[in-house]
């Protein structure tokens, strides 16, 4: 099974999940008001993820990267997370919490590799 984006309609709009070939969710979107804007969000991830640099905000004097970029940061529970920002600085996808940086970087690598060619399905 190849990686895929799955569009889902919820009470307040549309969201997508990027699922790896093993079925694991590796990135999630915000809520979009329409299916078309959700599909535009997917296109944005496909375009921006492969060229995005990683800005490691868990480091004390981290070097700022320009967008598009993956921001790696520590959440309130101490887990390492990432958010993918498009060229315009908008957050277009977020990841789950990881216990360490290596796991988070592995998630980012998976998105960079899988997003560009992932098929789009609707639930």
Protein backbone atom coordinates (compact mmCIF):
# COMPACT_ATOMS: atom_id res chain seq x y z
CA UNK A 1 0.00 0.00 0.00
CA UNK A 2 1.35 3.44 -0.91
CA UNK A 3 1.07 6.59 1.16
CA UNK A 4 -2.15 8.53 0.76
CA UNK A 5 -4.00 11.65 1.80
CA UNK A 6 -7.45 10.89 3.22
CA UNK A 7 -10.02 13.69 3.18
CA UNK A 8 -12.67 13.50 5.89
CA UNK A 9 -15.83 15.56 6.34
CA UNK A 10 -16.49 16.56 9.92
CA UNK A 11 -19.10 18.67 11.72
CA UNK A 12 -17.20 21.90 11.12
CA UNK A 13 -15.62 21.24 7.72
CA UNK A 14 -13.01 19.10 5.98
CA UNK A 15 -9.65 17.77 7.21
CA UNK A 16 -7.00 15.50 5.76
CA UNK A 17 -4.60 12.96 7.18
CA UNK A 18 -1.45 11.88 5.39
CA UNK A 19 -1.09 8.15 6.01
CA UNK A 20 2.16 6.26 5.47
CA UNK A 21 2.18 2.99 3.53
CA UNK A 22 1.74 1.11 6.84
CA UNK A 23 -1.50 3.03 7.54
CA UNK A 24 0.01 5.22 10.28
CA UNK A 25 -1.08 8.87 10.28
CA UNK A 26 2.06 10.98 9.81
CA UNK A 27 0.45 14.41 9.41
CA UNK A 28 -2.91 16.08 9.99
CA UNK A 29 -4.42 19.28 8.64
CA UNK A 30 -6.40 22.12 10.08
CA UNK A 31 -10.16 22.27 9.42
CA UNK A 32 -11.06 23.69 6.00
CA UNK A 33 -14.48 25.16 5.19
CA UNK A 34 -14.73 23.42 1.81
CA UNK A 35 -13.47 20.27 0.12
CA UNK A 36 -11.74 22.40 -2.53
CA UNK A 37 -9.78 24.36 0.06
CA UNK A 38 -8.84 21.06 1.74
CA UNK A 39 -7.54 19.78 -1.61
CA UNK A 40 -5.56 23.02 -1.99
CA UNK A 41 -4.05 22.33 1.44
CA UNK A 42 -2.96 18.89 0.24
CA UNK A 43 -1.36 20.42 -2.87
CA UNK A 44 0.45 22.88 -0.62
CA UNK A 45 1.85 20.03 1.51
CA UNK A 46 2.91 18.16 -1.66
CA UNK A 47 4.70 21.27 -2.95
CA UNK A 48 6.25 22.56 0.28
CA UNK A 49 7.20 19.41 2.24
CA UNK A 50 9.98 18.20 -0.09
CA UNK A 51 11.78 21.58 -0.05
CA UNK A 52 11.12 22.57 3.58
CA UNK A 53 14.07 22.83 5.94
CA UNK A 54 13.88 21.85 9.60
CA UNK A 55 13.94 24.61 12.21
CA UNK A 56 14.79 22.90 15.50
CA UNK A 57 13.12 25.08 18.14
CA UNK A 58 14.10 22.61 20.87
CA UNK A 59 17.68 23.96 20.66
CA UNK A 60 18.52 26.97 22.84
CA UNK A 61 19.90 29.27 20.12
CA UNK A 62 18.20 27.66 17.13
CA UNK A 63 18.79 29.05 13.69
CA UNK A 64 15.66 30.53 12.09
CA UNK A 65 14.76 28.98 8.75
CA UNK A 66 12.64 30.72 6.15
CA UNK A 67 9.35 29.19 5.07
CA UNK A 68 8.51 26.65 3.83
CA UNK A 69 9.83 24.89 6.91
CA UNK A 70 9.16 22.19 9.46
CA UNK A 71 9.22 23.67 12.96
CA UNK A 72 10.25 21.09 15.56
CA UNK A 73 9.21 22.09 19.07
CA UNK A 74 8.45 20.73 22.54
CA UNK A 75 4.78 20.68 23.58
CA UNK A 76 3.41 21.20 27.10
CA UNK A 77 3.79 17.48 27.86
CA UNK A 78 7.46 17.54 26.83
CA UNK A 79 6.90 15.64 23.59
CA UNK A 80 8.60 16.67 20.35
CA UNK A 81 6.20 17.77 17.60
CA UNK A 82 6.41 19.41 14.21
CA UNK A 83 4.33 21.76 12.15
CA UNK A 84 4.82 22.34 8.45
CA UNK A 85 4.56 25.95 7.35
CA UNK A 86 3.99 26.99 3.73
CA UNK A 87 5.93 29.78 2.00
CA UNK A 88 3.38 32.30 3.34
CA UNK A 89 3.94 31.16 6.94
CA UNK A 90 0.56 29.38 7.25
CA UNK A 91 0.58 26.06 9.15
CA UNK A 92 -0.51 23.43 6.62
CA UNK A 93 0.12 20.20 8.56
CA UNK A 94 1.03 19.06 12.06
CA UNK A 95 2.45 15.85 13.46
CA UNK A 96 1.79 13.73 16.50
CA UNK A 97 3.92 13.94 19.64
CA UNK A 98 7.17 11.96 19.63
CA UNK A 99 9.20 10.97 22.68
CA UNK A 100 12.47 12.01 21.04
CA UNK A 101 13.90 14.12 18.22
CA UNK A 102 14.91 11.08 16.17
CA UNK A 103 11.29 9.90 15.97
CA UNK A 104 10.10 13.38 15.00
CA UNK A 105 12.79 13.72 12.31
CA UNK A 106 11.83 10.30 10.99
CA UNK A 107 8.19 11.51 10.69
CA UNK A 108 9.37 14.61 8.79
CA UNK A 109 11.52 12.47 6.48
CA UNK A 110 8.51 10.25 5.79
CA UNK A 111 6.38 13.27 4.82
CA UNK A 112 9.11 14.71 2.56
CA UNK A 113 9.36 11.32 0.81
CA UNK A 114 5.68 10.31 0.69
CA UNK A 115 3.65 13.52 0.29
CA UNK A 116 4.60 14.45 -3.31
CA UNK A 117 3.31 11.21 -4.84
CA UNK A 118 0.59 10.29 -2.33
CA UNK A 119 -2.83 9.66 -3.84
CA UNK A 120 -5.87 11.54 -2.54
CA UNK A 121 -8.89 9.60 -1.28
CA UNK A 122 -12.14 10.65 0.36
CA UNK A 123 -13.66 8.92 3.35
